[in-house]
């Protein structure tokens, strides 16, 4: 992913649908007024419209707002559409979302104690 995103500690997904035609100002208003959040240097806010093949991301880099836009060529994101809320996700869930997977993974391999092979 982009070098810009390496310093991100907080990832937020606007579940449901967002008017993806909005630019920086419109998305910033949604973050502040609808969800009551502040744009901070370590937070990325993600928005998806009705077409699940594109999303926009918004963050503050310390000197200005950065707007990301990605449109997939042949696939779709598995965007959470269950309710209109701002859901904080982990960096792992962000990677899953960007890889076309659901952020709600059924299960994963759990770490265990090392044991003798013989």
Protein backbone atom coordinates (compact mmCIF):
# COMPACT_ATOMS: atom_id res chain seq x y z
CA UNK A 1 0.00 0.00 0.00
CA UNK A 2 1.01 3.61 -0.09
CA UNK A 3 3.88 4.85 2.06
CA UNK A 4 1.51 7.55 3.31
CA UNK A 5 -0.56 4.93 5.12
CA UNK A 6 2.29 3.36 7.08
CA UNK A 7 1.89 5.87 9.92
CA UNK A 8 -1.84 5.30 10.26
CA UNK A 9 -2.92 3.91 13.60
CA UNK A 10 -6.67 4.29 13.23
CA UNK A 11 -8.79 3.11 10.33
CA UNK A 12 -12.47 4.01 10.14
CA UNK A 13 -15.00 2.62 7.66
CA UNK A 14 -18.24 4.47 6.97
CA UNK A 15 -20.53 1.48 6.66
CA UNK A 16 -23.57 1.64 4.44
CA UNK A 17 -23.50 3.97 1.45
CA UNK A 18 -21.86 7.38 0.99
CA UNK A 19 -22.30 9.76 -1.93
CA UNK A 20 -18.90 9.09 -3.48
CA UNK A 21 -19.17 12.24 -5.63
CA UNK A 22 -18.27 14.27 -2.55
CA UNK A 23 -14.80 15.76 -2.36
CA UNK A 24 -12.58 16.69 0.57
CA UNK A 25 -14.95 19.29 2.03
CA UNK A 26 -18.05 17.10 1.78
CA UNK A 27 -16.38 14.05 3.29
CA UNK A 28 -14.82 16.14 6.08
CA UNK A 29 -18.29 17.45 6.96
CA UNK A 30 -19.59 13.87 7.15
CA UNK A 31 -16.72 12.87 9.47
CA UNK A 32 -17.29 15.85 11.76
CA UNK A 33 -21.07 16.37 11.72
CA UNK A 34 -22.49 12.90 11.10
CA UNK A 35 -19.98 10.85 13.06
CA UNK A 36 -18.62 13.44 15.53
CA UNK A 37 -14.98 12.62 14.78
CA UNK A 38 -11.98 14.85 14.13
CA UNK A 39 -9.56 14.33 11.28
CA UNK A 40 -6.23 13.57 12.89
CA UNK A 41 -2.81 12.74 11.45
CA UNK A 42 -2.97 9.05 12.33
CA UNK A 43 -6.55 8.37 11.18
CA UNK A 44 -7.85 7.28 7.78
CA UNK A 45 -11.56 7.52 7.00
CA UNK A 46 -12.91 5.26 4.23
CA UNK A 47 -16.11 5.75 2.22
CA UNK A 48 -17.83 3.64 -0.43
CA UNK A 49 -20.79 4.44 -2.68
CA UNK A 50 -23.37 2.09 -4.16
CA UNK A 51 -20.84 0.62 -6.57
CA UNK A 52 -18.54 -1.54 -4.51
CA UNK A 53 -15.73 -1.29 -7.04
CA UNK A 54 -14.47 2.08 -5.75
CA UNK A 55 -13.83 3.89 -2.51
CA UNK A 56 -12.47 7.19 -1.22
CA UNK A 57 -10.22 7.73 1.75
CA UNK A 58 -9.62 10.97 3.64
CA UNK A 59 -6.95 11.92 6.14
CA UNK A 60 -5.05 14.92 7.47
CA UNK A 61 -1.26 14.73 6.93
CA UNK A 62 -0.33 17.65 9.18
CA UNK A 63 -0.24 20.23 6.40
CA UNK A 64 -3.45 19.53 4.52
CA UNK A 65 -6.15 17.05 3.66
CA UNK A 66 -5.35 14.07 1.45
CA UNK A 67 -8.07 12.44 -0.64
CA UNK A 68 -7.47 8.90 -1.90
CA UNK A 69 -9.55 7.33 -4.64
CA UNK A 70 -9.33 3.76 -5.83
CA UNK A 71 -11.37 2.02 -8.50
CA UNK A 72 -10.94 -1.70 -9.11
CA UNK A 73 -10.76 -2.99 -12.65
CA UNK A 74 -12.49 -6.38 -12.40
CA UNK A 75 -13.69 -6.99 -8.87
CA UNK A 76 -15.52 -5.49 -5.91
CA UNK A 77 -14.77 -4.63 -2.31
CA UNK A 78 -16.70 -6.49 0.37
CA UNK A 79 -17.80 -3.27 2.05
CA UNK A 80 -19.78 -3.60 5.30
CA UNK A 81 -23.32 -2.45 4.51
CA UNK A 82 -25.11 -3.55 7.68
CA UNK A 83 -25.83 -0.06 9.13
CA UNK A 84 -24.87 3.56 8.67
CA UNK A 85 -22.17 3.95 11.28
CA UNK A 86 -18.49 4.68 11.58
CA UNK A 87 -16.71 1.44 12.39
CA UNK A 88 -13.13 1.40 13.59
CA UNK A 89 -11.17 -1.47 12.07
CA UNK A 90 -7.73 -2.88 12.77
CA UNK A 91 -4.79 -2.58 10.36
CA UNK A 92 -5.29 -6.28 9.54
CA UNK A 93 -8.96 -5.73 8.71
CA UNK A 94 -7.93 -2.78 6.52
CA UNK A 95 -5.56 -5.06 4.58
CA UNK A 96 -8.33 -7.65 4.22
CA UNK A 97 -10.70 -5.00 2.88
CA UNK A 98 -8.11 -3.77 0.37
CA UNK A 99 -7.48 -7.37 -0.72
CA UNK A 100 -11.19 -7.88 -1.49
CA UNK A 101 -11.94 -9.87 1.65
CA UNK A 102 -14.56 -9.25 4.29
CA UNK A 103 -13.49 -7.55 7.51
CA UNK A 104 -15.57 -10.19 9.28
CA UNK A 105 -13.41 -13.28 8.96
CA UNK A 106 -15.00 -16.42 10.35
CA UNK A 107 -11.84 -17.61 12.07
CA UNK A 108 -8.12 -17.59 11.75
CA UNK A 109 -5.31 -19.84 12.87
CA UNK A 110 -4.63 -19.13 16.52
CA UNK A 111 -1.16 -18.95 18.00
CA UNK A 112 -0.29 -21.80 20.31
CA UNK A 113 2.57 -22.85 22.53
CA UNK A 114 5.50 -24.53 20.90
CA UNK A 115 5.66 -28.25 21.49
CA UNK A 116 8.23 -30.93 20.92
CA UNK A 117 8.14 -32.61 17.55
CA UNK A 118 9.14 -36.00 18.94
